[in-house]
Amino acid sequence: MSEWSATEWSEGCPGQAPLPYPFYVDIVTKRYFDGVDNKNMDQVLNCFTPDAVLTEATSDTVHEGREAIRAMFVKLFADFESIWHGNFVHTADPQSNAVCSQFTVLITPNAGDELRYENCNRFYLKDRLFHRVTVYMSGDNLLKEGDA
């Protein structure tokens, strides 16, 4: 646990305990996006702090707290029959506990044609979990507000 309290913590603040580079790649790919692609809600939510904020920057859509993030994923999982994330390029900054990931998304709406996105996410970690996530999408926002 960091020496910073919840009220003092901010993205990239000094005093972060750096994690090994492979940890950042693992939480992004093997835990988070694997959970999204397999529609495993518990696996996805276990990557977030309870008070995490996920922002889809292109449309300025903000999901505050794990329950709002859960509702967003319930909607995403229901609206799309298949989801795949790959072709990752990661840049981790252990000193600020952050990782930026560029990737391809192949996603198929129910009874629709596959869509291709080239996205970038910035993840800020707190206590080894995502605390702030900013998503930059190359197309329409797919991370709509769900029914919490």
Protein backbone atom coordinates (compact mmCIF):
# COMPACT_ATOMS: atom_id res chain seq x y z
CA MET A 1 0.00 0.00 0.00
CA SER A 2 1.27 3.43 -0.87
CA GLU A 3 2.11 6.12 1.63
CA TRP A 4 -0.51 8.37 0.01
CA SER A 5 -4.07 8.44 1.33
CA ALA A 6 -7.08 8.22 -0.97
CA THR A 7 -7.57 11.98 -0.79
CA GLU A 8 -3.92 12.71 -1.66
CA TRP A 9 -3.59 10.22 -4.49
CA SER A 10 -3.58 11.45 -8.07
CA GLU A 11 -2.48 9.99 -11.37
CA GLY A 12 1.27 9.74 -11.60
CA CYS A 13 1.82 11.28 -8.16
CA PRO A 14 5.24 10.97 -6.54
CA GLY A 15 5.80 8.22 -4.03
CA GLN A 16 4.37 5.44 -6.18
CA ALA A 17 5.86 1.99 -5.60
CA PRO A 18 7.03 0.91 -9.07
CA LEU A 19 5.94 -2.53 -10.22
CA PRO A 20 7.91 -4.76 -12.60
CA TYR A 21 7.19 -4.04 -16.28
CA PRO A 22 5.63 -7.50 -16.86
CA PHE A 23 2.99 -6.75 -14.21
CA TYR A 24 1.58 -3.89 -16.33
CA VAL A 25 1.42 -6.04 -19.46
CA ASP A 26 -0.16 -8.90 -17.52
CA ILE A 27 -2.96 -6.87 -15.90
CA VAL A 28 -3.82 -5.21 -19.22
CA THR A 29 -3.70 -8.24 -21.51
CA LYS A 30 -4.01 -11.47 -19.50
CA ARG A 31 -6.41 -10.17 -16.88
CA TYR A 32 -8.41 -7.19 -18.16
CA PHE A 33 -8.73 -7.67 -21.93
CA ASP A 34 -8.86 -11.45 -21.62
CA GLY A 35 -11.82 -10.95 -19.26
CA VAL A 36 -13.49 -8.52 -21.68
CA ASP A 37 -12.99 -10.81 -24.69
CA ASN A 38 -14.39 -13.79 -22.78
CA LYS A 39 -17.17 -11.72 -21.18
CA ASN A 40 -15.95 -12.71 -17.72
CA MET A 41 -17.35 -9.92 -15.54
CA ASP A 42 -15.61 -10.97 -12.32
CA GLN A 43 -12.23 -11.09 -14.04
CA VAL A 44 -12.79 -7.64 -15.55
CA LEU A 45 -14.02 -5.99 -12.34
CA ASN A 46 -11.22 -7.53 -10.28
CA CYS A 47 -8.85 -5.23 -12.20
CA PHE A 48 -10.49 -2.04 -10.82
CA THR A 49 -10.40 -0.27 -7.46
CA PRO A 50 -13.91 0.22 -5.97
CA ASP A 51 -13.77 3.96 -6.73
CA ALA A 52 -12.19 3.65 -10.18
CA VAL A 53 -13.16 6.00 -13.01
CA LEU A 54 -13.27 4.91 -16.64
CA THR A 55 -13.57 7.70 -19.21
CA GLU A 56 -14.19 7.25 -22.91
CA ALA A 57 -12.42 10.47 -23.94
CA THR A 58 -13.63 10.73 -27.52
CA SER A 59 -17.26 11.23 -26.40
CA ASP A 60 -16.46 12.40 -22.84
CA THR A 61 -18.44 9.51 -21.33
CA VAL A 62 -17.50 8.95 -17.68
CA HIS A 63 -18.23 5.84 -15.58
CA GLU A 64 -17.54 6.54 -11.90
CA GLY A 65 -17.11 3.61 -9.53
CA ARG A 66 -16.95 -0.13 -10.03
CA GLU A 67 -20.75 -0.46 -10.18
CA ALA A 68 -21.05 2.04 -13.05
CA ILE A 69 -18.20 0.25 -14.82
CA ARG A 70 -20.00 -3.06 -14.25
CA ALA A 71 -23.23 -1.65 -15.74
CA MET A 72 -21.29 -0.42 -18.78
CA PHE A 73 -19.83 -3.90 -19.32
CA VAL A 74 -23.23 -5.59 -18.85
CA LYS A 75 -24.49 -3.46 -21.75
CA LEU A 76 -21.38 -4.04 -23.87
CA PHE A 77 -21.50 -7.81 -23.36
CA ALA A 78 -25.23 -7.91 -24.20
CA ASP A 79 -24.95 -5.72 -27.32
CA PHE A 80 -22.01 -7.51 -28.98
CA GLU A 81 -21.77 -11.19 -29.83
CA SER A 82 -17.97 -11.24 -30.08
CA ILE A 83 -15.13 -9.05 -28.85
CA TRP A 84 -11.40 -9.39 -29.52
CA HIS A 85 -8.47 -7.19 -28.48
CA GLY A 86 -4.98 -7.80 -29.86
CA ASN A 87 -1.93 -6.41 -31.67
CA PHE A 88 -0.89 -4.72 -28.44
CA VAL A 89 1.87 -2.15 -28.09
CA HIS A 90 2.52 -1.18 -24.46
CA THR A 91 4.47 1.66 -22.94
CA ALA A 92 4.73 1.34 -19.18
CA ASP A 93 5.95 4.00 -16.78
CA PRO A 94 6.58 2.18 -13.50
CA GLN A 95 7.61 5.41 -11.73
CA SER A 96 4.06 6.76 -12.15
CA ASN A 97 2.32 3.35 -12.04
CA ALA A 98 0.86 3.88 -15.49
CA VAL A 99 0.70 2.01 -18.76
CA CYS A 100 -0.45 3.11 -22.18
CA SER A 101 -1.66 0.38 -24.53
CA GLN A 102 -2.41 0.69 -28.23
CA PHE A 103 -4.36 -2.17 -29.78
CA THR A 104 -6.80 -3.42 -32.39
CA VAL A 105 -10.42 -4.22 -31.47
CA LEU A 106 -12.57 -6.52 -33.59
CA ILE A 107 -16.13 -6.39 -32.30
CA THR A 108 -19.34 -7.78 -33.80
CA PRO A 109 -22.73 -6.30 -32.89
CA ASN A 110 -25.55 -8.81 -32.45
CA ALA A 111 -26.69 -9.77 -35.98
CA GLY A 112 -24.30 -7.18 -37.43
CA ASP A 113 -21.04 -6.93 -39.32
CA GLU A 114 -17.67 -6.94 -37.58
CA LEU A 115 -16.27 -3.51 -36.72
CA ARG A 116 -12.56 -2.72 -36.50
CA TYR A 117 -11.20 -0.10 -34.10
CA GLU A 118 -7.65 1.07 -33.42
CA ASN A 119 -7.74 2.24 -29.81
CA CYS A 120 -5.44 3.47 -27.09
CA ASN A 121 -6.00 3.22 -23.34
CA ARG A 122 -4.12 4.93 -20.54
CA PHE A 123 -4.27 3.02 -17.26
CA TYR A 124 -3.24 4.53 -13.90
CA LEU A 125 -2.83 1.99 -11.12
CA LYS A 126 -3.35 2.39 -7.41
CA ASP A 127 -2.57 -0.50 -5.07
CA ARG A 128 -1.96 -2.79 -8.09
CA LEU A 129 -5.40 -2.13 -9.65
CA PHE A 130 -6.78 0.27 -12.26
CA HIS A 131 -7.88 3.49 -10.60
CA ARG A 132 -8.22 5.75 -13.63
CA VAL A 133 -8.63 4.50 -17.20
CA THR A 134 -8.92 6.76 -20.22
CA VAL A 135 -10.09 5.15 -23.46
CA TYR A 136 -9.46 6.74 -26.86
CA MET A 137 -11.59 5.09 -29.59
CA SER A 138 -11.11 5.40 -33.32
CA GLY A 139 -14.85 5.19 -33.99
CA ASP A 140 -18.20 5.62 -32.28
CA ASN A 141 -18.27 5.18 -28.50
CA LEU A 142 -19.10 1.55 -27.66
CA LEU A 143 -18.76 2.07 -23.90
CA LYS A 144 -22.20 3.49 -23.25
CA GLU A 145 -23.74 4.05 -19.86
CA GLY A 146 -25.48 0.94 -18.55
CA ASP A 147 -28.35 0.50 -16.13
CA ALA A 148 -26.65 0.48 -12.73
